[in-house]
Amino acid sequence: MGGSSQTGGSSAAGGTLASGGSTAAGGTASSGGTLITGGAQGSGGTTSGSGGAATVRDGGSSDVPLQRDTATGGSGTGGVGIGGADSGGAATGGSATGGAGGTSTTGQKSTYDNQQAFANLRYGMFIHFNMGTFTDQEWASPNLNPLTFAPSDVNTDQWAAAAKAGGMKFAVLTTKHHDGFALWPTKLSNYNVMNSAYKVDIVKKYVDSFRAAGVIPCLYFSIWDRTQGIAKGSVSAADLNFITGQLTELLGGTYGDIPLIMFDGWTWQMGHNEVPYQLIRETVKALQPNILMVDHNGLTQPFEEDLLNFEHFQVPSTNTYPSTQGNPIMPKWFWHPGYDGVTPDSTGAVYNPLPASSIISRLTATDAHWCNFLLDCPPNRNGVLDKNVVDRLAEVGTTYKPSTNRAALPAQPIQLEHPVSPVAVTATSGTAANAIDGMNDYVSGATVQSLWQSNAGLPQSVTLDFGKVYNNIEYLGYMPRQDHVTAGTVTSAYVTTGNITGYNIYTSTDGTTFSKVATGTWAADGVIKRVQFTPTTARYLRLEATAASGATYAVVSEIDAGGVSNKPLAQ
């Protein structure tokens, strides 16, 4: 579970789900080079062109679909993505700018087709089962004796049967939570199941049972590892090797095709720069080219991920992005005493699962917005789901029927398939590091963000240093501030003060001579701006703010960059 709340977020309380909201829509506009920009929602602003023969398209215009790309990166095993070679629902490539979707000759699908296939799954089981099950904690303490993990058995067949009876099509298992205990026999740490009281590869049992039941297995993985000491402000090269090594163990073939990996303890803990998004994405996609990545980040629009995950609020009613909404069937995510509904906890209380009517209500709401409902069902200390949970799932399964007339997933924004993470950043004023730290969250009804804010008159700029010269640099993403006028809701308008409305983008190989590759204007809203320009060779990428909304200073929440169709390679 994400955020910095040990209770699992505001949406998890007492077996009931907090009501959600909707987020304001809006598009973007920009130009220069060969350029496509915008979000999947709303209308764009004004545009102006420069440099070469510019092709400019407003974001969100109904007659100009946004870019849908076929990813080319990765040297992994391929696979057929979610649901086999013939899945993917009603959407089939076609109209979106920049690619027709479909399957390549190597079996690799476009990101859009994998997103559509995932959205078609509708309903899944989240399985929080790890060290916290045995410590009565949501976040288990680090460095515990592995023997603390002591199930009498682990009946993954029962989990899978309950999921299937409930109408669930996929599942996500917590292979490693924030304390770092691994449910598989990792060779990189002794803190794993083979040194526990139950010396069985639980990840293998899980994937085998769920595949046999016809339910697609997916994985959850916490980057933050408190036993290993991987945390904000202290991430080392050895830590990065540890992370990629464990991901290689999970995704390298032992457990078969994994269509989704859910990250946690990353963007809200140390961010996507200290543990570079480039490193993690390229590692994961090389091992499993059709896999989708999602992170716990509290956002309402995707940034450095393939899907959105809603945990602290319900799916916004304006959502058009492929996504999941995670909520627990019990008051919290992990199993705790009293959850069987029979044996009281230390306070004398027992707890009942979420009512079937409430689960179906959430399913109906998420289904309408291309959002899969991920219902957490925590196994108990005997390694089985309690009877009250099994019965509730079966009750839902006899009633819930997914809609059959939902439209295909809307065309998605330009996808940064091949990020290049900066190793350094400078700015003409303000704290430059805030523009690339990759940190986002939503806690207790408030957006958590670190902003670069200039402290001198415009123009002002931020310059990314990739550390090496790369070819195929063709994309810049700009995240404006993400806070809302009314705290505690994502339905109110964005705060827009300082958002960049006029910009230039420059590149350089030496940090001295810069060439303009794009220029234009953006709407002042909070929609992420995505600019694609003619591929160029560069070590430095500069975003210059020439105008800002309602202020003499400019604000940046995040900037990212890299390649869309082609992978940038160091020269």
Protein backbone atom coordinates (compact mmCIF):
# COMPACT_ATOMS: atom_id res chain seq x y z
CA MET A 1 0.00 0.00 0.00
CA GLY A 2 1.23 3.37 -0.95
CA GLY A 3 1.47 6.86 0.37
CA SER A 4 3.08 7.60 3.64
CA SER A 5 0.15 6.36 5.69
CA GLN A 6 0.57 3.16 7.65
CA THR A 7 -3.20 2.69 7.71
CA GLY A 8 -3.37 2.04 4.01
CA GLY A 9 -4.89 5.35 2.99
CA SER A 10 -8.12 7.18 3.54
CA SER A 11 -10.11 4.81 1.35
CA ALA A 12 -9.59 1.91 3.76
CA ALA A 13 -11.61 2.30 6.92
CA GLY A 14 -13.87 -0.03 8.84
CA GLY A 15 -14.86 -2.22 5.93
CA THR A 16 -16.42 0.69 4.06
CA LEU A 17 -15.00 2.68 1.18
CA ALA A 18 -14.67 6.43 1.13
CA SER A 19 -16.50 8.15 -1.67
CA GLY A 20 -14.38 9.41 -4.48
CA GLY A 21 -14.53 12.25 -6.90
CA SER A 22 -13.54 13.41 -10.29
CA THR A 23 -10.65 15.38 -11.59
CA ALA A 24 -10.74 18.35 -13.86
CA ALA A 25 -9.97 17.64 -17.48
CA GLY A 26 -7.96 19.68 -19.85
CA GLY A 27 -5.59 19.49 -22.74
CA THR A 28 -2.35 21.08 -23.78
CA ALA A 29 -0.86 22.70 -26.82
CA SER A 30 2.63 23.27 -28.09
CA SER A 31 4.71 23.23 -31.23
CA GLY A 32 8.06 23.08 -32.91
CA GLY A 33 9.91 20.39 -34.81
CA THR A 34 7.66 17.42 -35.42
CA LEU A 35 5.46 17.74 -32.42
CA ILE A 36 2.45 16.10 -30.83
CA THR A 37 1.32 17.14 -27.38
CA GLY A 38 -1.46 16.98 -24.90
CA GLY A 39 -3.40 14.85 -22.50
CA ALA A 40 -6.18 12.44 -23.24
CA GLN A 41 -8.80 14.85 -21.95
CA GLY A 42 -9.96 18.37 -22.68
CA SER A 43 -8.98 20.85 -25.32
CA GLY A 44 -5.69 22.43 -26.08
CA GLY A 45 -4.51 25.96 -25.85
CA THR A 46 -2.87 28.02 -28.58
CA THR A 47 0.05 26.95 -30.70
CA SER A 48 2.89 28.51 -32.56
CA GLY A 49 5.49 26.80 -34.66
CA SER A 50 9.19 27.13 -35.16
CA GLY A 51 12.05 25.15 -36.53
CA GLY A 52 11.59 23.09 -39.67
CA ALA A 53 8.22 22.01 -40.96
CA ALA A 54 6.22 21.79 -37.79
CA THR A 55 3.27 19.46 -37.40
CA VAL A 56 1.14 20.60 -34.48
CA ARG A 57 -1.86 18.79 -33.03
CA ASP A 58 -3.98 19.95 -30.11
CA GLY A 59 -4.29 17.50 -27.23
CA GLY A 60 -7.73 16.19 -26.56
CA SER A 61 -9.36 17.27 -29.81
CA SER A 62 -11.90 14.60 -30.68
CA ASP A 63 -10.92 14.46 -34.32
CA VAL A 64 -7.16 14.29 -33.70
CA PRO A 65 -6.32 11.14 -31.75
CA LEU A 66 -3.27 11.20 -29.58
CA GLN A 67 -0.22 9.13 -30.16
CA ARG A 68 -0.28 5.40 -29.65
CA ASP A 69 3.11 3.79 -30.03
CA THR A 70 4.47 0.32 -30.57
CA ALA A 71 7.38 -0.02 -28.16
CA THR A 72 10.56 -1.43 -29.61
CA GLY A 73 12.81 -1.78 -26.59
CA GLY A 74 13.82 -4.84 -24.66
CA SER A 75 15.73 -7.99 -25.31
CA GLY A 76 13.61 -10.25 -23.16
CA THR A 77 11.52 -13.31 -23.72
CA GLY A 78 8.55 -11.62 -25.35
CA GLY A 79 5.31 -13.33 -24.46
CA VAL A 80 1.83 -12.59 -25.61
CA GLY A 81 0.74 -10.00 -23.07
CA ILE A 82 -2.51 -10.14 -21.16
CA GLY A 83 -5.04 -12.69 -22.23
CA GLY A 84 -3.13 -14.29 -25.09
CA ALA A 85 -2.55 -13.25 -28.66
CA ASP A 86 -6.21 -12.71 -29.48
CA SER A 87 -7.17 -10.54 -26.50
CA GLY A 88 -7.39 -6.80 -26.34
CA GLY A 89 -11.08 -6.07 -26.49
CA ALA A 90 -12.72 -3.85 -29.03
CA ALA A 91 -9.79 -1.54 -29.61
CA THR A 92 -7.36 -2.52 -32.32
CA GLY A 93 -4.66 -0.05 -33.17
CA GLY A 94 -5.71 2.05 -36.06
CA SER A 95 -6.54 5.67 -35.67
CA ALA A 96 -4.08 6.96 -33.13
CA THR A 97 -1.23 9.09 -34.29
CA GLY A 98 2.18 7.47 -34.45
CA GLY A 99 1.29 3.78 -34.66
CA ALA A 100 -1.45 1.30 -35.39
CA GLY A 101 -1.13 -0.91 -32.34
CA GLY A 102 -1.36 -4.64 -32.84
CA THR A 103 1.32 -7.28 -32.44
CA SER A 104 4.80 -7.16 -33.95
CA THR A 105 6.47 -10.11 -35.64
CA THR A 106 8.32 -10.78 -32.36
CA GLY A 107 5.07 -11.11 -30.37
CA GLN A 108 5.46 -7.74 -28.71
CA LYS A 109 2.26 -5.73 -28.55
CA SER A 110 1.85 -1.98 -28.46
CA THR A 111 1.49 -0.42 -25.05
CA TYR A 112 -2.02 0.65 -25.98
CA ASP A 113 -3.09 -2.90 -26.84
CA ASN A 114 -1.68 -4.16 -23.54
CA GLN A 115 -3.50 -1.36 -21.72
CA GLN A 116 -6.77 -2.21 -23.47
CA ALA A 117 -6.37 -5.89 -22.63
CA PHE A 118 -5.72 -5.04 -19.00
CA ALA A 119 -8.74 -2.74 -18.83
CA ASN A 120 -10.86 -5.61 -20.13
CA LEU A 121 -10.07 -7.68 -17.02
CA ARG A 122 -12.31 -5.43 -14.90
CA TYR A 123 -11.94 -7.13 -11.49
CA GLY A 124 -8.99 -8.56 -9.58
CA MET A 125 -7.80 -9.83 -6.20
CA PHE A 126 -5.10 -7.96 -4.29
CA ILE A 127 -3.33 -10.32 -1.90
CA HIS A 128 -1.51 -8.76 1.03
CA PHE A 129 0.28 -11.73 2.54
CA ASN A 130 3.73 -11.24 3.98
CA MET A 131 5.56 -10.57 7.25
CA GLY A 132 2.87 -8.09 8.35
CA THR A 133 0.37 -10.96 8.48
CA PHE A 134 2.25 -12.34 11.49
CA THR A 135 3.14 -9.10 13.28
CA ASP A 136 -0.29 -7.43 13.39
CA GLN A 137 1.22 -4.49 11.50
CA GLU A 138 0.44 -2.85 8.19
CA TRP A 139 4.13 -2.06 7.80
CA ALA A 140 6.06 -4.85 9.50
CA SER A 141 9.23 -3.82 11.31
CA PRO A 142 12.48 -4.47 9.44
CA ASN A 143 15.15 -7.00 10.40
CA LEU A 144 12.79 -9.44 12.08
CA ASN A 145 13.69 -13.08 12.57
CA PRO A 146 12.56 -14.78 9.31
CA LEU A 147 11.03 -17.52 11.46
CA THR A 148 8.39 -14.96 12.42
CA PHE A 149 6.80 -15.79 9.09
CA ALA A 150 5.17 -19.06 10.11
CA PRO A 151 2.03 -20.12 8.24
CA SER A 152 0.89 -23.67 8.95
CA ASP A 153 0.32 -23.98 5.20
CA VAL A 154 -0.21 -21.71 2.23
CA ASN A 155 -3.20 -22.81 0.18
CA THR A 156 -2.88 -20.80 -3.01
CA ASP A 157 -5.35 -23.15 -4.71
CA GLN A 158 -7.98 -21.92 -2.27
CA TRP A 159 -7.10 -18.30 -3.02
CA ALA A 160 -7.40 -18.92 -6.75
CA ALA A 161 -10.67 -20.82 -6.44
CA ALA A 162 -12.17 -17.98 -4.39
CA ALA A 163 -11.02 -15.42 -6.93
CA LYS A 164 -12.53 -17.38 -9.80
CA ALA A 165 -15.81 -17.94 -7.97
CA GLY A 166 -15.97 -14.20 -7.32
CA GLY A 167 -15.63 -13.34 -11.02
CA MET A 168 -12.08 -12.02 -10.69
CA LYS A 169 -9.86 -12.21 -13.77
CA PHE A 170 -6.46 -11.27 -12.32
CA ALA A 171 -4.58 -11.07 -9.03
CA VAL A 172 -1.66 -9.15 -7.53
CA LEU A 173 0.53 -10.67 -4.79
CA THR A 174 2.78 -8.70 -2.42
CA THR A 175 6.03 -10.49 -3.27
CA LYS A 176 7.90 -8.03 -1.04
CA HIS A 177 6.50 -5.29 1.17
CA HIS A 178 8.32 -2.33 2.75
CA ASP A 179 10.12 -4.40 5.39
CA GLY A 180 11.85 -6.36 2.60
CA PHE A 181 10.82 -9.96 3.35
CA ALA A 182 10.73 -11.87 0.06
CA LEU A 183 8.15 -14.58 -0.66
CA TRP A 184 10.50 -16.20 -3.15
CA PRO A 185 13.99 -17.72 -2.64
CA THR A 186 15.94 -14.62 -3.60
CA LYS A 187 19.68 -15.17 -3.80
CA LEU A 188 20.38 -11.56 -2.89
CA SER A 189 19.20 -11.58 0.73
CA ASN A 190 18.72 -14.03 3.57
CA TYR A 191 15.50 -12.26 4.48
CA ASN A 192 13.26 -14.56 2.49
CA VAL A 193 10.81 -17.42 2.74
CA MET A 194 13.47 -20.16 2.55
CA ASN A 195 14.76 -19.05 5.95
CA SER A 196 11.28 -18.88 7.46
CA ALA A 197 9.19 -21.53 9.16
CA TYR A 198 7.57 -22.25 5.77
CA LYS A 199 10.35 -23.03 3.29
CA VAL A 200 8.37 -22.96 0.06
CA ASP A 201 8.54 -20.61 -2.91
CA ILE A 202 5.18 -18.92 -2.41
CA VAL A 203 5.43 -16.84 -5.58
CA LYS A 204 5.74 -20.06 -7.61
CA LYS A 205 2.80 -21.66 -5.80
CA TYR A 206 0.76 -18.53 -6.42
CA VAL A 207 1.40 -18.20 -10.16
CA ASP A 208 0.84 -21.93 -10.73
CA SER A 209 -2.45 -22.01 -8.80
CA PHE A 210 -3.89 -18.91 -10.39
CA ARG A 211 -2.93 -19.89 -13.92
CA ALA A 212 -4.49 -23.30 -13.38
CA ALA A 213 -7.70 -21.56 -12.29
CA GLY A 214 -7.69 -19.25 -15.31
CA VAL A 215 -6.92 -16.15 -13.25
CA ILE A 216 -3.96 -14.06 -14.47
CA PRO A 217 -1.17 -13.64 -11.87
CA CYS A 218 0.53 -10.26 -11.45
CA LEU A 219 3.09 -9.05 -8.94
CA TYR A 220 3.56 -6.24 -6.39
CA PHE A 221 7.09 -5.17 -5.44
CA SER A 222 8.24 -2.53 -2.95
CA ILE A 223 11.33 -0.57 -3.98
CA TRP A 224 11.66 0.73 -0.43
CA ASP A 225 13.35 -2.05 1.56
CA ARG A 226 13.92 -1.19 5.20
CA THR A 227 15.84 -4.37 6.03
CA GLN A 228 18.21 -3.86 3.11
CA GLY A 229 18.42 -0.14 3.92
CA ILE A 230 17.17 1.09 0.54
CA ALA A 231 15.58 4.42 1.38
CA LYS A 232 15.45 8.09 0.50
CA GLY A 233 18.77 9.90 0.69
CA SER A 234 21.01 6.84 0.85
CA VAL A 235 20.47 4.81 -2.34
CA SER A 236 23.81 3.45 -3.57
CA ALA A 237 24.95 1.70 -6.74
CA ALA A 238 24.87 -1.56 -4.77
CA ASP A 239 21.24 -0.83 -3.84
CA LEU A 240 20.35 -0.32 -7.49
CA ASN A 241 22.00 -3.62 -8.37
CA PHE A 242 20.00 -5.27 -5.58
CA ILE A 243 16.72 -3.89 -6.90
CA THR A 244 17.36 -4.86 -10.51
CA GLY A 245 18.67 -8.23 -9.38
CA GLN A 246 15.47 -9.03 -7.49
CA LEU A 247 13.35 -7.82 -10.40
CA THR A 248 15.35 -10.10 -12.68
CA GLU A 249 14.62 -13.04 -10.37
CA LEU A 250 10.89 -12.28 -10.49
CA LEU A 251 10.55 -11.41 -14.17
CA GLY A 252 13.37 -13.39 -15.78
CA GLY A 253 11.29 -16.44 -16.64
CA THR A 254 10.98 -18.55 -13.49
CA TYR A 255 7.41 -17.34 -12.96
CA GLY A 256 6.34 -17.10 -16.60
CA ASP A 257 4.69 -14.15 -18.31
CA ILE A 258 3.75 -11.41 -15.84
CA PRO A 259 1.49 -8.81 -17.50
CA LEU A 260 1.57 -6.27 -14.66
CA ILE A 261 4.02 -5.25 -11.98
CA MET A 262 2.80 -2.86 -9.29
CA PHE A 263 5.49 -0.80 -7.61
CA ASP A 264 5.22 0.80 -4.19
CA GLY A 265 7.62 2.65 -1.92
CA TRP A 266 9.15 4.40 -4.91
CA THR A 267 7.79 7.70 -6.17
CA TRP A 268 6.47 8.68 -2.71
CA GLN A 269 9.51 7.41 -0.79
CA MET A 270 12.75 8.23 -2.62
CA GLY A 271 11.41 9.23 -6.03
CA HIS A 272 12.03 8.26 -9.63
CA ASN A 273 15.40 9.94 -9.82
CA GLU A 274 17.29 8.52 -6.84
CA VAL A 275 16.12 5.11 -8.07
CA PRO A 276 16.11 6.07 -11.76
CA TYR A 277 12.97 5.43 -13.75
CA GLN A 278 15.16 4.76 -16.78
CA LEU A 279 16.96 1.92 -15.02
CA ILE A 280 13.84 0.26 -13.67
CA ARG A 281 11.76 0.59 -16.84
CA GLU A 282 14.49 -0.64 -19.16
CA THR A 283 15.23 -3.56 -16.82
CA VAL A 284 11.60 -4.59 -16.54
CA LYS A 285 10.76 -4.15 -20.23
CA ALA A 286 13.85 -6.06 -21.35
CA LEU A 287 12.74 -9.03 -19.25
CA GLN A 288 9.03 -8.82 -20.12
CA PRO A 289 8.37 -6.57 -23.15
CA ASN A 290 4.57 -6.78 -22.79
CA ILE A 291 4.47 -6.01 -19.08
CA LEU A 292 2.69 -2.92 -17.78
CA MET A 293 4.12 -0.84 -14.95
CA VAL A 294 2.10 1.01 -12.33
CA ASP A 295 3.31 2.92 -9.28
CA HIS A 296 1.63 4.13 -6.09
CA ASN A 297 1.88 7.88 -6.57
CA GLY A 298 -1.44 9.59 -5.78
CA LEU A 299 -1.79 11.11 -9.27
CA THR A 300 -4.92 11.38 -11.41
CA GLN A 301 -3.05 11.22 -14.71
CA PRO A 302 -0.20 8.88 -15.66
CA PHE A 303 3.36 10.11 -15.35
CA GLU A 304 6.24 7.64 -15.70
CA GLU A 305 3.96 4.60 -15.64
CA ASP A 306 1.67 2.67 -18.00
CA LEU A 307 -1.38 2.67 -15.73
CA LEU A 308 -2.82 4.72 -12.89
CA ASN A 309 -3.46 3.34 -9.43
CA PHE A 310 -6.14 4.94 -7.24
CA GLU A 311 -5.77 4.14 -3.56
CA HIS A 312 -6.53 7.23 -1.50
CA PHE A 313 -9.64 8.20 -3.47
CA GLN A 314 -12.04 6.59 -5.92
CA VAL A 315 -11.60 6.70 -9.68
CA PRO A 316 -12.46 10.21 -10.92
CA SER A 317 -15.63 10.33 -13.01
CA THR A 318 -13.68 11.96 -15.86
CA ASN A 319 -11.01 9.27 -15.98
CA THR A 320 -10.08 8.01 -19.46
CA TYR A 321 -6.81 6.31 -18.51
CA PRO A 322 -6.29 2.57 -17.98
CA SER A 323 -6.13 2.18 -14.22
CA THR A 324 -6.81 0.23 -11.06
CA GLN A 325 -8.63 1.18 -7.89
CA GLY A 326 -7.39 -0.72 -4.87
CA ASN A 327 -9.56 -1.09 -1.77
CA PRO A 328 -9.51 -3.65 1.05
CA ILE A 329 -12.42 -5.96 1.77
CA MET A 330 -11.53 -5.65 5.49
CA PRO A 331 -10.64 -2.47 7.38
CA LYS A 332 -6.93 -2.74 6.56
CA TRP A 333 -4.77 -4.37 3.90
CA PHE A 334 -3.05 -7.18 5.83
CA TRP A 335 -4.88 -9.76 7.94
CA HIS A 336 -5.35 -8.89 11.61
CA PRO A 337 -6.97 -10.69 14.57
CA GLY A 338 -10.76 -10.45 14.50
CA TYR A 339 -10.96 -10.57 10.72
CA ASP A 340 -12.52 -14.03 10.69
CA GLY A 341 -15.64 -12.46 12.15
CA VAL A 342 -15.65 -15.03 14.97
CA THR A 343 -12.59 -14.75 17.21
CA PRO A 344 -12.30 -11.28 18.80
CA ASP A 345 -9.13 -9.24 18.71
CA SER A 346 -7.49 -7.82 21.85
CA THR A 347 -10.18 -5.13 22.09
CA GLY A 348 -13.00 -7.68 21.87
CA ALA A 349 -13.96 -6.65 18.34
CA VAL A 350 -14.64 -8.78 15.29
CA TYR A 351 -14.87 -7.51 11.74
CA ASN A 352 -16.97 -8.32 8.72
CA PRO A 353 -16.06 -8.00 5.05
CA LEU A 354 -17.34 -5.18 2.91
CA PRO A 355 -20.98 -5.83 1.95
CA ALA A 356 -21.59 -7.36 -1.47
CA SER A 357 -23.70 -4.36 -2.44
CA SER A 358 -20.78 -2.01 -1.73
CA ILE A 359 -18.34 -4.16 -3.73
CA ILE A 360 -20.72 -4.27 -6.69
CA SER A 361 -21.25 -0.52 -6.43
CA ARG A 362 -17.49 0.03 -6.68
CA LEU A 363 -17.26 -2.41 -9.56
CA THR A 364 -19.98 -0.56 -11.44
CA ALA A 365 -18.24 2.77 -10.90
CA THR A 366 -14.78 1.61 -11.90
CA ASP A 367 -16.01 -0.41 -14.87
CA ALA A 368 -17.52 2.71 -16.43
CA HIS A 369 -14.14 4.46 -16.49
CA TRP A 370 -11.67 1.86 -17.80
CA CYS A 371 -10.56 1.22 -14.24
CA ASN A 372 -10.15 -2.28 -12.81
CA PHE A 373 -11.34 -2.84 -9.27
CA LEU A 374 -8.61 -4.51 -7.22
CA LEU A 375 -10.17 -5.87 -4.05
CA ASP A 376 -7.69 -6.79 -1.33
CA CYS A 377 -8.45 -10.15 0.30
CA PRO A 378 -5.79 -10.93 2.93
CA PRO A 379 -5.02 -14.57 3.80
CA ASN A 380 -4.77 -15.37 7.50
CA ARG A 381 -1.87 -16.87 9.48
CA ASN A 382 -2.84 -20.37 8.33
CA GLY A 383 -2.27 -19.30 4.75
CA VAL A 384 -5.93 -19.39 3.74
CA LEU A 385 -8.69 -16.86 3.18
CA ASP A 386 -11.16 -16.69 6.04
CA LYS A 387 -14.57 -18.25 5.35
CA ASN A 388 -16.34 -14.90 5.63
CA VAL A 389 -14.18 -13.52 2.81
CA VAL A 390 -14.63 -16.61 0.62
CA ASP A 391 -18.38 -16.47 1.12
CA ARG A 392 -18.53 -12.77 0.33
CA LEU A 393 -16.58 -13.23 -2.91
CA ALA A 394 -18.91 -16.05 -3.97
CA GLU A 395 -21.91 -13.83 -3.22
CA VAL A 396 -20.52 -11.10 -5.46
CA GLY A 397 -19.70 -13.65 -8.16
CA THR A 398 -23.32 -14.73 -8.44
CA THR A 399 -24.50 -11.15 -8.95
CA TYR A 400 -21.81 -9.09 -10.69
CA LYS A 401 -21.77 -9.01 -14.47
CA PRO A 402 -19.37 -6.69 -16.30
CA SER A 403 -20.88 -4.32 -18.82
CA THR A 404 -20.85 -5.50 -22.42
CA ASN A 405 -21.29 -2.16 -24.13
CA ARG A 406 -18.36 -0.16 -22.78
CA ALA A 407 -16.46 1.68 -25.49
CA ALA A 408 -12.87 0.84 -26.30
CA LEU A 409 -10.19 2.51 -24.21
CA PRO A 410 -9.76 6.07 -25.51
CA ALA A 411 -6.57 6.97 -27.32
CA GLN A 412 -3.84 7.67 -24.78
CA PRO A 413 -1.27 10.46 -24.45
CA ILE A 414 2.18 10.14 -25.93
CA GLN A 415 3.97 7.35 -24.07
CA LEU A 416 7.54 7.88 -22.87
CA GLU A 417 8.63 4.35 -23.71
CA HIS A 418 12.36 4.95 -23.25
CA PRO A 419 13.12 7.46 -20.50
CA VAL A 420 16.57 8.92 -19.99
CA SER A 421 16.95 9.90 -16.36
CA PRO A 422 19.08 12.98 -15.69
CA VAL A 423 22.11 12.59 -13.45
CA ALA A 424 22.22 16.32 -12.64
CA VAL A 425 20.15 19.44 -13.10
CA THR A 426 20.75 23.19 -12.98
CA ALA A 427 18.44 26.18 -13.06
CA THR A 428 18.75 29.91 -13.55
CA SER A 429 17.19 30.32 -10.09
CA GLY A 430 15.34 28.27 -7.50
CA THR A 431 16.00 24.71 -6.29
CA ALA A 432 16.64 22.81 -9.52
CA ALA A 433 16.59 19.33 -7.96
CA ASN A 434 12.87 19.64 -7.23
CA ALA A 435 12.15 19.54 -10.96
CA ILE A 436 13.53 16.02 -11.44
CA ASP A 437 13.23 14.23 -8.08
CA GLY A 438 10.27 12.20 -9.32
CA MET A 439 8.38 12.46 -6.01
CA ASN A 440 4.58 12.50 -5.85
CA ASP A 441 2.00 11.41 -3.31
CA TYR A 442 -1.47 12.09 -1.92
CA VAL A 443 -1.83 11.81 1.85
CA SER A 444 -4.74 12.69 4.13
CA GLY A 445 -6.55 14.58 1.39
CA ALA A 446 -3.57 16.64 0.28
CA THR A 447 -1.29 16.51 -2.74
CA VAL A 448 2.35 15.99 -1.79
CA GLN A 449 4.75 17.48 -4.30
CA SER A 450 8.13 19.18 -4.48
CA LEU A 451 8.13 22.19 -6.78
CA TRP A 452 10.85 24.07 -8.58
CA GLN A 453 9.95 27.73 -8.41
CA SER A 454 12.02 30.43 -10.02
CA ASN A 455 12.76 33.48 -7.91
CA ALA A 456 13.57 35.99 -10.61
CA GLY A 457 11.75 37.52 -13.56
CA LEU A 458 10.98 35.45 -16.64
CA PRO A 459 12.41 33.93 -18.74
CA GLN A 460 13.81 31.28 -16.40
CA SER A 461 14.98 27.78 -17.25
CA VAL A 462 15.79 24.31 -15.95
CA THR A 463 18.52 22.28 -17.69
CA LEU A 464 18.74 18.49 -17.43
CA ASP A 465 22.11 16.77 -17.74
CA PHE A 466 21.90 13.12 -18.85
CA GLY A 467 25.55 12.52 -18.01
CA LYS A 468 26.27 11.22 -21.52
CA VAL A 469 25.41 12.18 -25.06
CA TYR A 470 22.37 10.20 -26.28
CA ASN A 471 20.80 9.92 -29.69
CA ASN A 472 17.02 9.77 -30.25
CA ILE A 473 16.13 12.38 -27.65
CA GLU A 474 12.66 13.39 -28.86
CA TYR A 475 10.37 14.00 -25.90
CA LEU A 476 9.91 16.30 -22.94
CA GLY A 477 7.18 15.89 -20.35
CA TYR A 478 6.21 18.78 -18.08
CA MET A 479 4.09 18.16 -15.00
CA PRO A 480 2.54 21.38 -13.68
CA ARG A 481 1.65 21.65 -10.03
CA GLN A 482 -0.93 19.03 -9.01
CA ASP A 483 -2.55 20.59 -5.93
CA HIS A 484 -6.22 21.52 -6.00
CA VAL A 485 -8.04 24.68 -4.95
CA THR A 486 -10.06 22.74 -2.38
CA ALA A 487 -7.88 20.44 -0.30
CA GLY A 488 -9.19 16.93 0.25
CA THR A 489 -10.81 16.50 -3.13
CA VAL A 490 -9.60 15.88 -6.66
CA THR A 491 -12.85 17.29 -8.06
CA SER A 492 -11.94 20.93 -7.56
CA ALA A 493 -9.93 22.96 -10.03
CA TYR A 494 -6.16 22.81 -10.05
CA VAL A 495 -4.12 25.56 -8.48
CA THR A 496 -2.45 27.11 -11.53
CA THR A 497 -0.30 29.91 -10.13
CA GLY A 498 3.13 29.75 -11.73
CA ASN A 499 2.29 27.04 -14.26
CA ILE A 500 4.28 27.53 -17.43
CA THR A 501 2.17 28.89 -20.29
CA GLY A 502 4.91 29.91 -22.73
CA TYR A 503 8.01 27.82 -23.35
CA ASN A 504 11.07 27.03 -25.42
CA ILE A 505 12.89 23.70 -25.46
CA TYR A 506 16.60 23.52 -26.28
CA THR A 507 19.15 20.72 -26.60
CA SER A 508 22.94 20.67 -26.45
CA THR A 509 25.75 18.15 -26.66
CA ASP A 510 28.31 20.25 -24.77
CA GLY A 511 26.32 22.45 -22.39
CA THR A 512 27.49 25.60 -24.15
CA THR A 513 25.80 25.72 -27.54
CA PHE A 514 22.04 25.10 -27.43
CA SER A 515 19.62 24.61 -30.33
CA LYS A 516 15.92 25.32 -30.09
CA VAL A 517 13.84 22.23 -30.90
CA ALA A 518 10.36 23.39 -29.85
CA THR A 519 8.45 26.46 -28.77
CA GLY A 520 4.85 27.19 -27.99
CA THR A 521 2.18 27.92 -25.42
CA TRP A 522 0.34 25.71 -22.94
CA ALA A 523 -2.98 25.98 -21.16
CA ALA A 524 -2.53 27.03 -17.54
CA ASP A 525 -4.29 23.95 -16.18
CA GLY A 526 -2.76 21.03 -14.28
CA VAL A 527 -2.81 18.61 -17.21
CA ILE A 528 0.59 17.09 -17.95
CA LYS A 529 2.14 18.57 -21.08
CA ARG A 530 3.85 16.14 -23.45
CA VAL A 531 6.03 17.46 -26.28
CA GLN A 532 7.50 15.32 -29.03
CA PHE A 533 10.02 16.84 -31.40
CA THR A 534 12.36 15.66 -34.14
CA PRO A 535 14.81 13.13 -32.65
CA THR A 536 18.13 14.74 -31.83
CA THR A 537 21.46 13.90 -30.22
CA ALA A 538 21.96 15.62 -26.89
CA ARG A 539 23.40 15.44 -23.42
CA TYR A 540 21.54 18.49 -22.13
CA LEU A 541 17.85 19.34 -22.42
CA ARG A 542 16.55 22.73 -21.35
CA LEU A 543 13.00 23.87 -20.63
CA GLU A 544 12.75 27.66 -20.68
CA ALA A 545 9.66 29.34 -19.26
CA THR A 546 8.79 32.53 -21.12
CA ALA A 547 5.38 33.06 -19.52
CA ALA A 548 3.53 31.73 -16.47
CA SER A 549 0.00 31.75 -15.13
CA GLY A 550 -0.80 34.61 -12.77
CA ALA A 551 2.77 35.09 -11.58
CA THR A 552 6.16 36.54 -12.41
CA TYR A 553 7.74 33.20 -11.52
CA ALA A 554 7.52 29.74 -13.08
CA VAL A 555 6.70 26.43 -11.37
CA VAL A 556 7.63 22.86 -12.30
CA SER A 557 6.50 19.75 -10.46
CA GLU A 558 8.41 17.29 -12.66
CA ILE A 559 10.23 17.11 -15.98
CA ASP A 560 11.09 13.90 -17.78
CA ALA A 561 12.59 13.16 -21.17
CA GLY A 562 13.77 10.48 -23.57
CA GLY A 563 12.52 8.54 -26.57
CA VAL A 564 9.06 7.57 -27.74
CA SER A 565 9.44 5.18 -30.67
CA ASN A 566 13.19 4.68 -30.56
CA LYS A 567 15.42 3.94 -27.61
CA PRO A 568 18.06 6.60 -26.96
CA LEU A 569 21.54 5.09 -26.91
CA ALA A 570 24.60 6.60 -25.26
CA GLN A 571 27.13 7.70 -27.86
